């Protein structure tokens, strides 16, 4: 388990505060190194980072499945696969 309130973690966090997106990307990369995933069934604003976890072929396959099942783009339009 990672302790988030130790002094070193706080110093590191303060270095990244001016660049929130950089912090998010670093956290996502860290989660992936632990074998985690950045999104489950629900999009949590991670669309820009999906290529860190999935290959272009995997993303295209998901888009193709979405188009096949929802050709009029009614469901979740405007989302990564919409």
C-alpha atoms as a PDB file:
ATOM      1  CA  UNK A   1       0.000   0.000   0.000  1.00  0.00           C
ATOM      2  CA  UNK A   2       1.250   3.491  -0.824  1.00  0.00           C
ATOM      3  CA  UNK A   3       1.043   6.029   1.970  1.00  0.00           C
ATOM      4  CA  UNK A   4      -0.091   9.283   0.422  1.00  0.00           C
ATOM      5  CA  UNK A   5       0.538  11.575   3.361  1.00  0.00           C
ATOM      6  CA  UNK A   6       4.231  10.999   4.001  1.00  0.00           C
ATOM      7  CA  UNK A   7       6.573  13.981   3.633  1.00  0.00           C
ATOM      8  CA  UNK A   8       8.223  12.786   0.431  1.00  0.00           C
ATOM      9  CA  UNK A   9       4.837  12.251  -1.277  1.00  0.00           C
ATOM     10  CA  UNK A  10       3.713  15.730  -0.267  1.00  0.00           C
ATOM     11  CA  UNK A  11       6.916  17.264  -1.661  1.00  0.00           C
ATOM     12  CA  UNK A  12       6.470  15.404  -4.939  1.00  0.00           C
ATOM     13  CA  UNK A  13       2.803  16.440  -5.162  1.00  0.00           C
ATOM     14  CA  UNK A  14       3.673  20.096  -4.587  1.00  0.00           C
ATOM     15  CA  UNK A  15       6.154  19.955  -7.463  1.00  0.00           C
ATOM     16  CA  UNK A  16       3.382  18.787  -9.793  1.00  0.00           C
ATOM     17  CA  UNK A  17       0.516  20.995  -8.612  1.00  0.00           C
ATOM     18  CA  UNK A  18       1.062  23.658 -11.294  1.00  0.00           C
ATOM     19  CA  UNK A  19       0.541  20.999 -13.968  1.00  0.00           C
ATOM     20  CA  UNK A  20      -2.538  18.978 -12.985  1.00  0.00           C
ATOM     21  CA  UNK A  21      -2.646  17.085 -16.265  1.00  0.00           C
ATOM     22  CA  UNK A  22       0.940  16.003 -15.690  1.00  0.00           C
ATOM     23  CA  UNK A  23      -0.034  14.666 -12.276  1.00  0.00           C
ATOM     24  CA  UNK A  24      -2.969  12.760 -13.724  1.00  0.00           C
ATOM     25  CA  UNK A  25      -0.798  11.238 -16.427  1.00  0.00           C
ATOM     26  CA  UNK A  26       1.848  10.204 -13.899  1.00  0.00           C
ATOM     27  CA  UNK A  27      -0.802   8.611 -11.674  1.00  0.00           C
ATOM     28  CA  UNK A  28      -2.290   6.760 -14.630  1.00  0.00           C
ATOM     29  CA  UNK A  29       1.118   5.498 -15.737  1.00  0.00           C
ATOM     30  CA  UNK A  30       1.825   4.389 -12.158  1.00  0.00           C
ATOM     31  CA  UNK A  31      -1.492   2.500 -11.955  1.00  0.00           C
ATOM     32  CA  UNK A  32      -0.722   0.767 -15.238  1.00  0.00           C
ATOM     33  CA  UNK A  33       2.697  -0.357 -13.980  1.00  0.00           C
ATOM     34  CA  UNK A  34       0.894  -2.021 -11.081  1.00  0.00           C
ATOM     35  CA  UNK A  35      -1.306  -3.946 -13.514  1.00  0.00           C
ATOM     36  CA  UNK A  36      -4.301  -1.682 -13.009  1.00  0.00           C
ATOM     37  CA  UNK A  37      -6.605  -0.180 -15.555  1.00  0.00           C
ATOM     38  CA  UNK A  38      -7.494   3.459 -16.058  1.00  0.00           C
ATOM     39  CA  UNK A  39     -11.140   2.916 -16.841  1.00  0.00           C
ATOM     40  CA  UNK A  40     -13.694   0.260 -16.168  1.00  0.00           C
ATOM     41  CA  UNK A  41     -17.283   0.291 -17.275  1.00  0.00           C
ATOM     42  CA  UNK A  42     -17.603   4.031 -16.772  1.00  0.00           C
ATOM     43  CA  UNK A  43     -15.597   6.778 -18.424  1.00  0.00           C
ATOM     44  CA  UNK A  44     -13.883   8.859 -15.770  1.00  0.00           C
ATOM     45  CA  UNK A  45     -12.379  11.495 -18.013  1.00  0.00           C
ATOM     46  CA  UNK A  46      -9.506   9.310 -19.096  1.00  0.00           C
ATOM     47  CA  UNK A  47     -10.172   9.371 -22.845  1.00  0.00           C
ATOM     48  CA  UNK A  48      -6.965  11.279 -23.674  1.00  0.00           C
ATOM     49  CA  UNK A  49      -4.989   8.599 -21.849  1.00  0.00           C
ATOM     50  CA  UNK A  50      -6.601   5.489 -23.359  1.00  0.00           C
ATOM     51  CA  UNK A  51      -3.653   5.042 -25.791  1.00  0.00           C
ATOM     52  CA  UNK A  52      -1.400   4.527 -22.757  1.00  0.00           C
ATOM     53  CA  UNK A  53      -3.318   1.334 -21.999  1.00  0.00           C
ATOM     54  CA  UNK A  54      -4.756   0.175 -25.311  1.00  0.00           C
ATOM     55  CA  UNK A  55      -3.149  -0.193 -28.710  1.00  0.00           C
ATOM     56  CA  UNK A  56      -4.492   1.620 -31.779  1.00  0.00           C
ATOM     57  CA  UNK A  57      -5.809  -1.721 -33.058  1.00  0.00           C
ATOM     58  CA  UNK A  58      -7.724  -2.324 -29.818  1.00  0.00           C
ATOM     59  CA  UNK A  59      -9.225   1.170 -29.894  1.00  0.00           C
ATOM     60  CA  UNK A  60     -10.234   0.776 -33.537  1.00  0.00           C
ATOM     61  CA  UNK A  61     -11.820  -2.605 -32.789  1.00  0.00           C
ATOM     62  CA  UNK A  62     -13.874  -1.034 -30.000  1.00  0.00           C
ATOM     63  CA  UNK A  63     -14.964   1.796 -32.310  1.00  0.00           C
ATOM     64  CA  UNK A  64     -15.961  -0.747 -34.961  1.00  0.00           C
ATOM     65  CA  UNK A  65     -18.050  -2.711 -32.463  1.00  0.00           C
ATOM     66  CA  UNK A  66     -19.714   0.516 -31.314  1.00  0.00           C
ATOM     67  CA  UNK A  67     -20.565   1.466 -34.908  1.00  0.00           C
ATOM     68  CA  UNK A  68     -21.942  -2.021 -35.567  1.00  0.00           C
ATOM     69  CA  UNK A  69     -24.189  -2.008 -32.500  1.00  0.00           C
ATOM     70  CA  UNK A  70     -25.125   1.685 -32.654  1.00  0.00           C
ATOM     71  CA  UNK A  71     -24.956   2.802 -36.301  1.00  0.00           C
ATOM     72  CA  UNK A  72     -26.937   5.993 -35.607  1.00  0.00           C
ATOM     73  CA  UNK A  73     -24.580   6.950 -32.751  1.00  0.00           C
ATOM     74  CA  UNK A  74     -27.447   7.401 -30.309  1.00  0.00           C
ATOM     75  CA  UNK A  75     -25.753   5.898 -27.255  1.00  0.00           C
ATOM     76  CA  UNK A  76     -23.022   7.961 -25.590  1.00  0.00           C
ATOM     77  CA  UNK A  77     -22.530  10.190 -28.601  1.00  0.00           C
ATOM     78  CA  UNK A  78     -19.511  12.435 -28.263  1.00  0.00           C
ATOM     79  CA  UNK A  79     -17.586   9.927 -26.156  1.00  0.00           C
ATOM     80  CA  UNK A  80     -14.343   8.250 -27.196  1.00  0.00           C
ATOM     81  CA  UNK A  81     -16.172   5.528 -29.129  1.00  0.00           C
ATOM     82  CA  UNK A  82     -19.203   7.649 -30.012  1.00  0.00           C
END
